[in-house]
Amino acid sequence: MKKIIFTGGNGRFGKIFRTIKHKEKIFFPTKKELNIKNIKSIEKYIKKNKTKYFIHCAGLSRPMDTHTKDINKSIDLNIIATSNIVKACNNFNIKLIYFSTNYVYPGVKGQYLENNPLLPINNYALSKLGGECAVQMYKNSLILRICMTEKPFIHKKAFSDVDMNFMFHEDLAKNLLKLIDCKGILNVGGKTQSVYNFAKKNNKNVIKTLAKKTMGSHYPLKQSMNVNKYLKIIKN
Protein backbone atom coordinates (compact mmCIF):
# COMPACT_ATOMS: atom_id res chain seq x y z
CA MET A 1 0.00 0.00 0.00
CA LYS A 2 1.33 3.41 -0.99
CA LYS A 3 1.46 5.89 1.89
CA ILE A 4 0.95 9.50 0.82
CA ILE A 5 1.02 12.87 2.55
CA PHE A 6 -1.38 15.40 1.05
CA THR A 7 -1.13 19.06 2.06
CA GLY A 8 -4.08 21.36 1.48
CA GLY A 9 -6.69 18.81 2.48
CA ASN A 10 -9.07 21.55 3.60
CA GLY A 11 -8.68 23.59 0.42
CA ARG A 12 -11.08 23.71 -2.51
CA PHE A 13 -9.50 20.78 -4.35
CA GLY A 14 -8.52 18.92 -1.20
CA LYS A 15 -12.10 18.75 0.05
CA ILE A 16 -13.15 17.09 -3.23
CA PHE A 17 -10.17 14.72 -3.25
CA ARG A 18 -10.93 13.58 0.31
CA THR A 19 -14.39 12.35 -0.68
CA ILE A 20 -12.97 9.72 -3.03
CA LYS A 21 -12.16 6.26 -1.69
CA HIS A 22 -8.57 5.26 -2.45
CA LYS A 23 -6.75 1.99 -1.93
CA GLU A 24 -3.70 4.01 -0.91
CA LYS A 25 -3.17 5.25 2.65
CA ILE A 26 -3.44 9.03 2.46
CA PHE A 27 -2.62 11.37 5.33
CA PHE A 28 -4.26 14.81 5.43
CA PRO A 29 -2.34 16.69 8.12
CA THR A 30 -3.75 19.84 9.69
CA LYS A 31 -1.67 23.02 9.71
CA LYS A 32 -0.85 22.31 13.35
CA GLU A 33 0.34 18.78 12.56
CA LEU A 34 2.43 19.87 9.58
CA ASN A 35 3.51 23.48 9.22
CA ILE A 36 4.77 23.95 5.66
CA LYS A 37 6.72 27.03 6.75
CA ASN A 38 8.77 24.96 9.20
CA ILE A 39 11.05 22.28 7.80
CA LYS A 40 11.40 20.54 11.16
CA SER A 41 7.63 20.17 11.35
CA ILE A 42 7.56 18.68 7.84
CA GLU A 43 10.36 16.23 8.58
CA LYS A 44 8.80 15.19 11.89
CA TYR A 45 5.51 14.31 10.17
CA ILE A 46 7.28 12.39 7.38
CA LYS A 47 9.35 10.42 9.87
CA LYS A 48 6.34 9.63 12.05
CA ASN A 49 4.19 8.28 9.21
CA LYS A 50 6.96 6.72 7.06
CA THR A 51 5.44 7.88 3.78
CA LYS A 52 6.99 7.53 0.33
CA TYR A 53 4.95 10.15 -1.52
CA PHE A 54 4.23 13.80 -0.80
CA ILE A 55 1.51 15.65 -2.73
CA HIS A 56 1.90 19.38 -2.14
CA CYS A 57 -1.38 21.09 -2.91
CA ALA A 58 -1.37 23.66 -0.10
CA GLY A 59 -0.56 27.27 -0.85
CA LEU A 60 -1.97 30.72 -1.43
CA SER A 61 -4.16 31.32 -4.46
CA ARG A 62 -7.22 33.51 -3.94
CA PRO A 63 -7.90 36.33 -3.68
CA MET A 64 -5.52 36.94 -6.56
CA ASP A 65 -4.75 40.54 -5.59
CA THR A 66 -3.21 39.26 -2.33
CA HIS A 67 -0.13 38.32 -4.33
CA THR A 68 0.31 41.99 -5.21
CA LYS A 69 -0.89 43.58 -1.98
CA ASP A 70 1.02 41.23 0.34
CA ILE A 71 4.00 39.76 -1.50
CA ASN A 72 5.55 38.60 1.78
CA LYS A 73 2.62 36.24 2.37
CA SER A 74 2.78 35.01 -1.22
CA ILE A 75 6.52 34.37 -1.01
CA ASP A 76 6.28 32.66 2.38
CA LEU A 77 3.49 30.25 1.41
CA ASN A 78 4.21 29.54 -2.25
CA ILE A 79 7.99 29.83 -2.57
CA ILE A 80 9.67 29.38 0.80
CA ALA A 81 7.22 26.74 2.07
CA THR A 82 7.57 24.76 -1.16
CA SER A 83 11.35 24.97 -0.86
CA ASN A 84 11.08 23.57 2.67
CA ILE A 85 9.06 20.64 1.37
CA VAL A 86 11.58 19.98 -1.39
CA LYS A 87 14.42 19.87 1.14
CA ALA A 88 12.48 17.54 3.43
CA CYS A 89 11.58 15.20 0.57
CA ASN A 90 15.20 15.20 -0.54
CA ASN A 91 16.38 14.36 2.97
CA PHE A 92 14.04 11.35 3.14
CA ASN A 93 14.12 10.42 -0.57
CA ILE A 94 10.36 10.87 -0.94
CA LYS A 95 8.56 11.36 -4.25
CA LEU A 96 7.20 14.91 -4.47
CA ILE A 97 4.17 15.92 -6.54
CA TYR A 98 3.71 19.71 -6.76
CA PHE A 99 0.58 21.59 -7.81
CA SER A 100 1.49 24.48 -10.11
CA THR A 101 -0.58 26.45 -12.63
CA ASN A 102 -1.06 27.01 -16.36
CA TYR A 103 -0.53 30.71 -15.68
CA VAL A 104 3.25 30.19 -15.78
CA TYR A 105 3.00 30.20 -19.60
CA PRO A 106 2.95 33.53 -21.52
CA GLY A 107 -0.62 33.06 -22.78
CA VAL A 108 -0.02 34.64 -26.18
CA LYS A 109 -0.01 31.68 -28.58
CA GLY A 110 -1.70 28.78 -26.77
CA GLN A 111 -1.24 25.01 -26.91
CA TYR A 112 1.89 25.23 -24.78
CA LEU A 113 4.02 22.12 -24.36
CA GLU A 114 5.69 21.28 -21.07
CA ASN A 115 9.12 22.33 -22.38
CA ASN A 116 8.03 25.68 -23.88
CA PRO A 117 9.47 28.94 -22.47
CA LEU A 118 7.67 30.42 -19.48
CA LEU A 119 6.55 33.96 -18.71
CA PRO A 120 4.21 34.13 -15.69
CA ILE A 121 1.28 36.45 -16.31
CA ASN A 122 0.78 37.70 -12.73
CA ASN A 123 2.28 37.61 -9.24
CA TYR A 124 0.38 34.43 -8.38
CA ALA A 125 2.00 32.67 -11.31
CA LEU A 126 5.40 34.08 -10.33
CA SER A 127 4.99 32.65 -6.84
CA LYS A 128 4.08 29.21 -8.24
CA LEU A 129 7.02 29.33 -10.64
CA GLY A 130 9.23 30.17 -7.66
CA GLY A 131 8.06 26.93 -6.11
CA GLU A 132 8.66 25.11 -9.38
CA CYS A 133 12.29 26.25 -9.42
CA ALA A 134 12.95 24.47 -6.14
CA VAL A 135 11.02 21.37 -7.19
CA GLN A 136 12.89 21.06 -10.50
CA MET A 137 16.18 20.88 -8.60
CA TYR A 138 14.90 17.65 -7.01
CA LYS A 139 14.75 14.93 -9.65
CA ASN A 140 12.40 12.62 -7.73
CA SER A 141 9.50 14.96 -8.42
CA LEU A 142 6.53 15.75 -10.63
CA ILE A 143 5.21 19.23 -11.39
CA LEU A 144 1.56 19.46 -12.42
CA ARG A 145 0.66 22.64 -14.32
CA ILE A 146 -3.06 22.59 -13.70
CA CYS A 147 -6.05 24.45 -15.11
CA MET A 148 -9.10 23.69 -12.96
CA THR A 149 -11.95 25.36 -11.09
CA GLU A 150 -14.96 24.70 -8.87
CA LYS A 151 -18.17 23.03 -9.96
CA PRO A 152 -20.51 24.71 -10.63
CA PHE A 153 -18.69 27.63 -12.25
CA ILE A 154 -18.84 30.24 -9.52
CA HIS A 155 -18.48 33.48 -11.50
CA LYS A 156 -21.40 35.42 -12.97
CA LYS A 157 -19.39 36.36 -16.05
CA ALA A 158 -16.95 34.46 -18.26
CA PHE A 159 -14.51 35.52 -20.96
CA SER A 160 -15.50 34.51 -24.48
CA ASP A 161 -12.17 35.64 -25.93
CA VAL A 162 -9.84 33.68 -23.60
CA ASP A 163 -8.96 30.09 -24.51
CA MET A 164 -7.99 27.74 -21.68
CA ASN A 165 -8.16 24.09 -20.57
CA PHE A 166 -10.51 24.39 -17.63
CA MET A 167 -11.59 21.21 -15.90
CA PHE A 168 -13.49 20.74 -12.65
CA HIS A 169 -11.81 19.69 -9.42
CA GLU A 170 -13.72 16.41 -9.60
CA ASP A 171 -12.07 15.56 -12.93
CA LEU A 172 -8.57 15.68 -11.50
CA ALA A 173 -9.52 14.21 -8.11
CA LYS A 174 -10.47 10.87 -9.65
CA ASN A 175 -7.30 10.70 -11.77
CA LEU A 176 -4.62 12.26 -9.57
CA LEU A 177 -3.18 9.04 -8.19
CA LYS A 178 -2.68 7.73 -11.73
CA LEU A 179 -0.01 10.40 -12.12
CA ILE A 180 2.08 10.07 -8.97
CA ASP A 181 4.71 7.71 -10.39
CA CYS A 182 5.43 10.06 -13.30
CA LYS A 183 8.36 12.46 -13.13
CA GLY A 184 9.17 15.82 -14.70
CA ILE A 185 6.45 18.25 -15.74
CA LEU A 186 2.90 17.53 -16.88
CA ASN A 187 0.21 19.84 -18.25
CA VAL A 188 -3.14 18.95 -16.69
CA GLY A 189 -6.53 20.16 -17.89
CA GLY A 190 -9.52 19.62 -20.14
CA LYS A 191 -10.09 20.35 -23.80
CA THR A 192 -9.18 23.74 -25.22
CA GLN A 193 -12.15 26.11 -25.34
CA SER A 194 -13.13 29.60 -24.32
CA VAL A 195 -13.85 30.17 -20.65
CA TYR A 196 -17.41 31.12 -21.59
CA ASN A 197 -18.05 27.91 -23.55
CA PHE A 198 -16.74 25.88 -20.62
CA ALA A 199 -18.80 27.79 -18.06
CA LYS A 200 -22.13 27.81 -19.91
CA LYS A 201 -22.28 24.00 -20.01
CA ASN A 202 -22.66 24.00 -16.24
CA ASN A 203 -24.11 27.44 -15.58
CA LYS A 204 -26.64 28.55 -18.21
CA ASN A 205 -26.96 31.95 -16.57
CA VAL A 206 -23.33 32.93 -17.01
CA ILE A 207 -22.88 36.18 -18.91
CA LYS A 208 -20.47 36.52 -21.82
CA THR A 209 -17.82 39.19 -21.44
CA LEU A 210 -14.56 40.19 -23.16
CA ALA A 211 -11.18 40.18 -21.43
CA LYS A 212 -9.89 42.76 -23.91
CA LYS A 213 -12.42 45.25 -22.54
CA THR A 214 -12.32 44.40 -18.84
CA MET A 215 -8.66 43.43 -18.40
CA GLY A 216 -6.98 45.62 -21.03
CA SER A 217 -5.40 45.02 -24.42
CA HIS A 218 -2.30 43.35 -22.97
CA TYR A 219 -4.17 40.58 -21.16
CA PRO A 220 -3.07 37.17 -22.58
CA LEU A 221 -5.92 35.54 -24.47
CA LYS A 222 -4.34 32.27 -25.63
CA GLN A 223 -3.72 30.46 -22.35
CA SER A 224 -4.32 26.90 -23.51
CA MET A 225 -1.87 24.02 -23.00
CA ASN A 226 -1.24 20.82 -24.91
CA VAL A 227 -2.56 18.20 -22.48
CA ASN A 228 -2.05 15.12 -24.68
CA LYS A 229 0.49 13.53 -22.32
CA TYR A 230 -1.92 13.82 -19.41
CA LEU A 231 -4.84 12.40 -21.38
CA LYS A 232 -2.74 9.44 -22.50
CA ILE A 233 -1.73 8.61 -18.92
CA ILE A 234 -5.23 8.70 -17.43
CA LYS A 235 -6.63 6.49 -20.20
CA ASN A 236 -4.27 3.64 -19.28
C-alpha atoms as a PDB file:
ATOM      1  CA  MET A   1       0.000   0.000   0.000  1.00  0.00           C
ATOM      2  CA  LYS A   2       1.327   3.405  -0.986  1.00  0.00           C
ATOM      3  CA  LYS A   3       1.465   5.894   1.885  1.00  0.00           C
ATOM      4  CA  ILE A   4       0.954   9.496   0.815  1.00  0.00           C
ATOM      5  CA  ILE A   5       1.021  12.866   2.553  1.00  0.00           C
ATOM      6  CA  PHE A   6      -1.377  15.395   1.046  1.00  0.00           C
ATOM      7  CA  THR A   7      -1.128  19.061   2.056  1.00  0.00           C
ATOM      8  CA  GLY A   8      -4.080  21.364   1.478  1.00  0.00           C
ATOM      9  CA  GLY A   9      -6.687  18.810   2.482  1.00  0.00           C
ATOM     10  CA  ASN A  10      -9.074  21.549   3.598  1.00  0.00           C
ATOM     11  CA  GLY A  11      -8.678  23.586   0.418  1.00  0.00           C
ATOM     12  CA  ARG A  12     -11.078  23.708  -2.510  1.00  0.00           C
ATOM     13  CA  PHE A  13      -9.500  20.784  -4.347  1.00  0.00           C
ATOM     14  CA  GLY A  14      -8.519  18.919  -1.200  1.00  0.00           C
ATOM     15  CA  LYS A  15     -12.100  18.752   0.046  1.00  0.00           C
ATOM     16  CA  ILE A  16     -13.149  17.089  -3.225  1.00  0.00           C
ATOM     17  CA  PHE A  17     -10.169  14.724  -3.245  1.00  0.00           C
ATOM     18  CA  ARG A  18     -10.930  13.579   0.310  1.00  0.00           C
ATOM     19  CA  THR A  19     -14.393  12.352  -0.679  1.00  0.00           C
ATOM     20  CA  ILE A  20     -12.974   9.719  -3.030  1.00  0.00           C
ATOM     21  CA  LYS A  21     -12.162   6.263  -1.693  1.00  0.00           C
ATOM     22  CA  HIS A  22      -8.567   5.257  -2.445  1.00  0.00           C
ATOM     23  CA  LYS A  23      -6.750   1.986  -1.927  1.00  0.00           C
ATOM     24  CA  GLU A  24      -3.699   4.012  -0.909  1.00  0.00           C
ATOM     25  CA  LYS A  25      -3.172   5.253   2.646  1.00  0.00           C
ATOM     26  CA  ILE A  26      -3.443   9.031   2.464  1.00  0.00           C
ATOM     27  CA  PHE A  27      -2.616  11.374   5.332  1.00  0.00           C
ATOM     28  CA  PHE A  28      -4.264  14.807   5.428  1.00  0.00           C
ATOM     29  CA  PRO A  29      -2.341  16.693   8.123  1.00  0.00           C
ATOM     30  CA  THR A  30      -3.747  19.839   9.690  1.00  0.00           C
ATOM     31  CA  LYS A  31      -1.673  23.024   9.708  1.00  0.00           C
ATOM     32  CA  LYS A  32      -0.853  22.311  13.352  1.00  0.00           C
ATOM     33  CA  GLU A  33       0.340  18.783  12.559  1.00  0.00           C
ATOM     34  CA  LEU A  34       2.429  19.873   9.579  1.00  0.00           C
ATOM     35  CA  ASN A  35       3.513  23.485   9.224  1.00  0.00           C
ATOM     36  CA  ILE A  36       4.768  23.954   5.663  1.00  0.00           C
ATOM     37  CA  LYS A  37       6.717  27.032   6.748  1.00  0.00           C
ATOM     38  CA  ASN A  38       8.765  24.959   9.204  1.00  0.00           C
ATOM     39  CA  ILE A  39      11.049  22.280   7.798  1.00  0.00           C
ATOM     40  CA  LYS A  40      11.402  20.537  11.163  1.00  0.00           C
ATOM     41  CA  SER A  41       7.629  20.174  11.345  1.00  0.00           C
ATOM     42  CA  ILE A  42       7.564  18.682   7.841  1.00  0.00           C
ATOM     43  CA  GLU A  43      10.355  16.227   8.584  1.00  0.00           C
ATOM     44  CA  LYS A  44       8.798  15.188  11.886  1.00  0.00           C
ATOM     45  CA  TYR A  45       5.515  14.313  10.169  1.00  0.00           C
ATOM     46  CA  ILE A  46       7.276  12.390   7.381  1.00  0.00           C
ATOM     47  CA  LYS A  47       9.351  10.425   9.874  1.00  0.00           C
ATOM     48  CA  LYS A  48       6.343   9.631  12.048  1.00  0.00           C
ATOM     49  CA  ASN A  49       4.194   8.283   9.208  1.00  0.00           C
ATOM     50  CA  LYS A  50       6.960   6.719   7.064  1.00  0.00           C
ATOM     51  CA  THR A  51       5.442   7.879   3.779  1.00  0.00           C
ATOM     52  CA  LYS A  52       6.989   7.525   0.332  1.00  0.00           C
ATOM     53  CA  TYR A  53       4.946  10.154  -1.517  1.00  0.00           C
ATOM     54  CA  PHE A  54       4.232  13.801  -0.801  1.00  0.00           C
ATOM     55  CA  ILE A  55       1.513  15.655  -2.734  1.00  0.00           C
ATOM     56  CA  HIS A  56       1.904  19.380  -2.135  1.00  0.00           C
ATOM     57  CA  CYS A  57      -1.384  21.094  -2.909  1.00  0.00           C
ATOM     58  CA  ALA A  58      -1.371  23.660  -0.100  1.00  0.00           C
ATOM     59  CA  GLY A  59      -0.559  27.265  -0.847  1.00  0.00           C
ATOM     60  CA  LEU A  60      -1.971  30.724  -1.426  1.00  0.00           C
ATOM     61  CA  SER A  61      -4.164  31.319  -4.464  1.00  0.00           C
ATOM     62  CA  ARG A  62      -7.224  33.509  -3.941  1.00  0.00           C
ATOM     63  CA  PRO A  63      -7.904  36.334  -3.684  1.00  0.00           C
ATOM     64  CA  MET A  64      -5.522  36.944  -6.558  1.00  0.00           C
ATOM     65  CA  ASP A  65      -4.752  40.540  -5.585  1.00  0.00           C
ATOM     66  CA  THR A  66      -3.213  39.260  -2.325  1.00  0.00           C
ATOM     67  CA  HIS A  67      -0.131  38.317  -4.331  1.00  0.00           C
ATOM     68  CA  THR A  68       0.308  41.990  -5.206  1.00  0.00           C
ATOM     69  CA  LYS A  69      -0.890  43.581  -1.977  1.00  0.00           C
ATOM     70  CA  ASP A  70       1.020  41.234   0.343  1.00  0.00           C
ATOM     71  CA  ILE A  71       4.003  39.764  -1.497  1.00  0.00           C
ATOM     72  CA  ASN A  72       5.546  38.595   1.782  1.00  0.00           C
ATOM     73  CA  LYS A  73       2.625  36.243   2.367  1.00  0.00           C
ATOM     74  CA  SER A  74       2.778  35.010  -1.223  1.00  0.00           C
ATOM     75  CA  ILE A  75       6.517  34.370  -1.012  1.00  0.00           C
ATOM     76  CA  ASP A  76       6.277  32.659   2.382  1.00  0.00           C
ATOM     77  CA  LEU A  77       3.493  30.254   1.409  1.00  0.00           C
ATOM     78  CA  ASN A  78       4.211  29.537  -2.249  1.00  0.00           C
ATOM     79  CA  ILE A  79       7.989  29.827  -2.574  1.00  0.00           C
ATOM     80  CA  ILE A  80       9.673  29.378   0.804  1.00  0.00           C
ATOM     81  CA  ALA A  81       7.221  26.742   2.073  1.00  0.00           C
ATOM     82  CA  THR A  82       7.569  24.763  -1.161  1.00  0.00           C
ATOM     83  CA  SER A  83      11.350  24.968  -0.864  1.00  0.00           C
ATOM     84  CA  ASN A  84      11.083  23.575   2.674  1.00  0.00           C
ATOM     85  CA  ILE A  85       9.060  20.643   1.375  1.00  0.00           C
ATOM     86  CA  VAL A  86      11.583  19.979  -1.394  1.00  0.00           C
ATOM     87  CA  LYS A  87      14.420  19.870   1.141  1.00  0.00           C
ATOM     88  CA  ALA A  88      12.476  17.537   3.434  1.00  0.00           C
ATOM     89  CA  CYS A  89      11.583  15.201   0.567  1.00  0.00           C
ATOM     90  CA  ASN A  90      15.195  15.199  -0.541  1.00  0.00           C
ATOM     91  CA  ASN A  91      16.385  14.355   2.967  1.00  0.00           C
ATOM     92  CA  PHE A  92      14.041  11.349   3.143  1.00  0.00           C
ATOM     93  CA  ASN A  93      14.119  10.421  -0.566  1.00  0.00           C
ATOM     94  CA  ILE A  94      10.359  10.871  -0.940  1.00  0.00           C
ATOM     95  CA  LYS A  95       8.564  11.356  -4.246  1.00  0.00           C
ATOM     96  CA  LEU A  96       7.199  14.915  -4.470  1.00  0.00           C
ATOM     97  CA  ILE A  97       4.170  15.924  -6.542  1.00  0.00           C
ATOM     98  CA  TYR A  98       3.713  19.707  -6.761  1.00  0.00           C
ATOM     99  CA  PHE A  99       0.577  21.591  -7.813  1.00  0.00           C
ATOM    100  CA  SER A 100       1.487  24.480 -10.109  1.00  0.00           C
ATOM    101  CA  THR A 101      -0.585  26.450 -12.631  1.00  0.00           C
ATOM    102  CA  ASN A 102      -1.060  27.007 -16.360  1.00  0.00           C
ATOM    103  CA  TYR A 103      -0.529  30.709 -15.682  1.00  0.00           C
ATOM    104  CA  VAL A 104       3.249  30.191 -15.776  1.00  0.00           C
ATOM    105  CA  TYR A 105       3.002  30.197 -19.603  1.00  0.00           C
ATOM    106  CA  PRO A 106       2.952  33.526 -21.522  1.00  0.00           C
ATOM    107  CA  GLY A 107      -0.617  33.056 -22.780  1.00  0.00           C
ATOM    108  CA  VAL A 108      -0.020  34.637 -26.179  1.00  0.00           C
ATOM    109  CA  LYS A 109      -0.007  31.679 -28.585  1.00  0.00           C
ATOM    110  CA  GLY A 110      -1.696  28.785 -26.770  1.00  0.00           C
ATOM    111  CA  GLN A 111      -1.238  25.010 -26.914  1.00  0.00           C
ATOM    112  CA  TYR A 112       1.889  25.226 -24.778  1.00  0.00           C
ATOM    113  CA  LEU A 113       4.021  22.123 -24.362  1.00  0.00           C
ATOM    114  CA  GLU A 114       5.692  21.284 -21.071  1.00  0.00           C
ATOM    115  CA  ASN A 115       9.123  22.333 -22.380  1.00  0.00           C
ATOM    116  CA  ASN A 116       8.033  25.676 -23.876  1.00  0.00           C
ATOM    117  CA  PRO A 117       9.468  28.935 -22.471  1.00  0.00           C
ATOM    118  CA  LEU A 118       7.673  30.417 -19.476  1.00  0.00           C
ATOM    119  CA  LEU A 119       6.551  33.957 -18.705  1.00  0.00           C
ATOM    120  CA  PRO A 120       4.207  34.130 -15.686  1.00  0.00           C
ATOM    121  CA  ILE A 121       1.283  36.449 -16.314  1.00  0.00           C
ATOM    122  CA  ASN A 122       0.779  37.697 -12.732  1.00  0.00           C
ATOM    123  CA  ASN A 123       2.276  37.606  -9.236  1.00  0.00           C
ATOM    124  CA  TYR A 124       0.377  34.432  -8.376  1.00  0.00           C
ATOM    125  CA  ALA A 125       2.004  32.675 -11.313  1.00  0.00           C
ATOM    126  CA  LEU A 126       5.396  34.078 -10.334  1.00  0.00           C
ATOM    127  CA  SER A 127       4.991  32.645  -6.843  1.00  0.00           C
ATOM    128  CA  LYS A 128       4.081  29.211  -8.243  1.00  0.00           C
ATOM    129  CA  LEU A 129       7.023  29.333 -10.636  1.00  0.00           C
ATOM    130  CA  GLY A 130       9.230  30.168  -7.664  1.00  0.00           C
ATOM    131  CA  GLY A 131       8.055  26.933  -6.107  1.00  0.00           C
ATOM    132  CA  GLU A 132       8.664  25.113  -9.385  1.00  0.00           C
ATOM    133  CA  CYS A 133      12.289  26.247  -9.423  1.00  0.00           C
ATOM    134  CA  ALA A 134      12.951  24.472  -6.142  1.00  0.00           C
ATOM    135  CA  VAL A 135      11.018  21.372  -7.189  1.00  0.00           C
ATOM    136  CA  GLN A 136      12.887  21.059 -10.495  1.00  0.00           C
ATOM    137  CA  MET A 137      16.183  20.885  -8.600  1.00  0.00           C
ATOM    138  CA  TYR A 138      14.904  17.649  -7.013  1.00  0.00           C
ATOM    139  CA  LYS A 139      14.749  14.925  -9.650  1.00  0.00           C
ATOM    140  CA  ASN A 140      12.399  12.622  -7.729  1.00  0.00           C
ATOM    141  CA  SER A 141       9.502  14.961  -8.421  1.00  0.00           C
ATOM    142  CA  LEU A 142       6.531  15.748 -10.632  1.00  0.00           C
ATOM    143  CA  ILE A 143       5.210  19.225 -11.391  1.00  0.00           C
ATOM    144  CA  LEU A 144       1.561  19.458 -12.424  1.00  0.00           C
ATOM    145  CA  ARG A 145       0.657  22.635 -14.316  1.00  0.00           C
ATOM    146  CA  ILE A 146      -3.059  22.590 -13.702  1.00  0.00           C
ATOM    147  CA  CYS A 147      -6.052  24.447 -15.106  1.00  0.00           C
ATOM    148  CA  MET A 148      -9.100  23.695 -12.964  1.00  0.00           C
ATOM    149  CA  THR A 149     -11.946  25.356 -11.088  1.00  0.00           C
ATOM    150  CA  GLU A 150     -14.958  24.702  -8.866  1.00  0.00           C
ATOM    151  CA  LYS A 151     -18.170  23.025  -9.962  1.00  0.00           C
ATOM    152  CA  PRO A 152     -20.514  24.711 -10.627  1.00  0.00           C
ATOM    153  CA  PHE A 153     -18.689  27.629 -12.251  1.00  0.00           C
ATOM    154  CA  ILE A 154     -18.844  30.243  -9.520  1.00  0.00           C
ATOM    155  CA  HIS A 155     -18.483  33.483 -11.496  1.00  0.00           C
ATOM    156  CA  LYS A 156     -21.398  35.415 -12.973  1.00  0.00           C
ATOM    157  CA  LYS A 157     -19.394  36.364 -16.055  1.00  0.00           C
ATOM    158  CA  ALA A 158     -16.945  34.459 -18.262  1.00  0.00           C
ATOM    159  CA  PHE A 159     -14.505  35.521 -20.960  1.00  0.00           C
ATOM    160  CA  SER A 160     -15.498  34.515 -24.476  1.00  0.00           C
ATOM    161  CA  ASP A 161     -12.165  35.644 -25.931  1.00  0.00           C
ATOM    162  CA  VAL A 162      -9.843  33.683 -23.599  1.00  0.00           C
ATOM    163  CA  ASP A 163      -8.958  30.089 -24.513  1.00  0.00           C
ATOM    164  CA  MET A 164      -7.991  27.737 -21.678  1.00  0.00           C
ATOM    165  CA  ASN A 165      -8.164  24.087 -20.574  1.00  0.00           C
ATOM    166  CA  PHE A 166     -10.508  24.386 -17.626  1.00  0.00           C
ATOM    167  CA  MET A 167     -11.594  21.206 -15.901  1.00  0.00           C
ATOM    168  CA  PHE A 168     -13.490  20.745 -12.654  1.00  0.00           C
ATOM    169  CA  HIS A 169     -11.810  19.688  -9.416  1.00  0.00           C
ATOM    170  CA  GLU A 170     -13.719  16.408  -9.595  1.00  0.00           C
ATOM    171  CA  ASP A 171     -12.072  15.557 -12.934  1.00  0.00           C
ATOM    172  CA  LEU A 172      -8.565  15.677 -11.495  1.00  0.00           C
ATOM    173  CA  ALA A 173      -9.519  14.214  -8.110  1.00  0.00           C
ATOM    174  CA  LYS A 174     -10.472  10.866  -9.651  1.00  0.00           C
ATOM    175  CA  ASN A 175      -7.304  10.695 -11.771  1.00  0.00           C
ATOM    176  CA  LEU A 176      -4.623  12.264  -9.571  1.00  0.00           C
ATOM    177  CA  LEU A 177      -3.183   9.044  -8.187  1.00  0.00           C
ATOM    178  CA  LYS A 178      -2.685   7.727 -11.725  1.00  0.00           C
ATOM    179  CA  LEU A 179      -0.012  10.395 -12.115  1.00  0.00           C
ATOM    180  CA  ILE A 180       2.079  10.072  -8.971  1.00  0.00           C
ATOM    181  CA  ASP A 181       4.707   7.713 -10.386  1.00  0.00           C
ATOM    182  CA  CYS A 182       5.432  10.064 -13.298  1.00  0.00           C
ATOM    183  CA  LYS A 183       8.357  12.464 -13.135  1.00  0.00           C
ATOM    184  CA  GLY A 184       9.169  15.815 -14.703  1.00  0.00           C
ATOM    185  CA  ILE A 185       6.446  18.253 -15.740  1.00  0.00           C
ATOM    186  CA  LEU A 186       2.903  17.533 -16.877  1.00  0.00           C
ATOM    187  CA  ASN A 187       0.207  19.844 -18.252  1.00  0.00           C
ATOM    188  CA  VAL A 188      -3.135  18.955 -16.689  1.00  0.00           C
ATOM    189  CA  GLY A 189      -6.527  20.156 -17.889  1.00  0.00           C
ATOM    190  CA  GLY A 190      -9.521  19.624 -20.138  1.00  0.00           C
ATOM    191  CA  LYS A 191     -10.094  20.354 -23.800  1.00  0.00           C
ATOM    192  CA  THR A 192      -9.184  23.742 -25.217  1.00  0.00           C
ATOM    193  CA  GLN A 193     -12.145  26.108 -25.345  1.00  0.00           C
ATOM    194  CA  SER A 194     -13.133  29.598 -24.319  1.00  0.00           C
ATOM    195  CA  VAL A 195     -13.848  30.167 -20.652  1.00  0.00           C
ATOM    196  CA  TYR A 196     -17.410  31.116 -21.587  1.00  0.00           C
ATOM    197  CA  ASN A 197     -18.047  27.912 -23.549  1.00  0.00           C
ATOM    198  CA  PHE A 198     -16.737  25.883 -20.623  1.00  0.00           C
ATOM    199  CA  ALA A 199     -18.805  27.787 -18.063  1.00  0.00           C
ATOM    200  CA  LYS A 200     -22.131  27.813 -19.906  1.00  0.00           C
ATOM    201  CA  LYS A 201     -22.277  23.998 -20.007  1.00  0.00           C
ATOM    202  CA  ASN A 202     -22.659  24.004 -16.241  1.00  0.00           C
ATOM    203  CA  ASN A 203     -24.110  27.438 -15.583  1.00  0.00           C
ATOM    204  CA  LYS A 204     -26.639  28.549 -18.209  1.00  0.00           C
ATOM    205  CA  ASN A 205     -26.958  31.953 -16.566  1.00  0.00           C
ATOM    206  CA  VAL A 206     -23.332  32.927 -17.012  1.00  0.00           C
ATOM    207  CA  ILE A 207     -22.882  36.182 -18.909  1.00  0.00           C
ATOM    208  CA  LYS A 208     -20.475  36.523 -21.821  1.00  0.00           C
ATOM    209  CA  THR A 209     -17.817  39.195 -21.443  1.00  0.00           C
ATOM    210  CA  LEU A 210     -14.559  40.192 -23.161  1.00  0.00           C
ATOM    211  CA  ALA A 211     -11.179  40.180 -21.434  1.00  0.00           C
ATOM    212  CA  LYS A 212      -9.893  42.755 -23.911  1.00  0.00           C
ATOM    213  CA  LYS A 213     -12.422  45.247 -22.543  1.00  0.00           C
ATOM    214  CA  THR A 214     -12.320  44.402 -18.838  1.00  0.00           C
ATOM    215  CA  MET A 215      -8.660  43.429 -18.404  1.00  0.00           C
ATOM    216  CA  GLY A 216      -6.977  45.615 -21.033  1.00  0.00           C
ATOM    217  CA  SER A 217      -5.403  45.024 -24.425  1.00  0.00           C
ATOM    218  CA  HIS A 218      -2.303  43.347 -22.973  1.00  0.00           C
ATOM    219  CA  TYR A 219      -4.173  40.577 -21.155  1.00  0.00           C
ATOM    220  CA  PRO A 220      -3.066  37.170 -22.579  1.00  0.00           C
ATOM    221  CA  LEU A 221      -5.920  35.542 -24.475  1.00  0.00           C
ATOM    222  CA  LYS A 222      -4.345  32.266 -25.627  1.00  0.00           C
ATOM    223  CA  GLN A 223      -3.716  30.464 -22.350  1.00  0.00           C
ATOM    224  CA  SER A 224      -4.320  26.896 -23.514  1.00  0.00           C
ATOM    225  CA  MET A 225      -1.871  24.024 -23.003  1.00  0.00           C
ATOM    226  CA  ASN A 226      -1.242  20.823 -24.907  1.00  0.00           C
ATOM    227  CA  VAL A 227      -2.556  18.196 -22.477  1.00  0.00           C
ATOM    228  CA  ASN A 228      -2.049  15.118 -24.685  1.00  0.00           C
ATOM    229  CA  LYS A 229       0.487  13.533 -22.316  1.00  0.00           C
ATOM    230  CA  TYR A 230      -1.922  13.822 -19.405  1.00  0.00           C
ATOM    231  CA  LEU A 231      -4.841  12.399 -21.380  1.00  0.00           C
ATOM    232  CA  LYS A 232      -2.737   9.441 -22.500  1.00  0.00           C
ATOM    233  CA  ILE A 233      -1.731   8.608 -18.916  1.00  0.00           C
ATOM    234  CA  ILE A 234      -5.228   8.701 -17.434  1.00  0.00           C
ATOM    235  CA  LYS A 235      -6.627   6.487 -20.200  1.00  0.00           C
ATOM    236  CA  ASN A 236      -4.272   3.641 -19.277  1.00  0.00           C
END
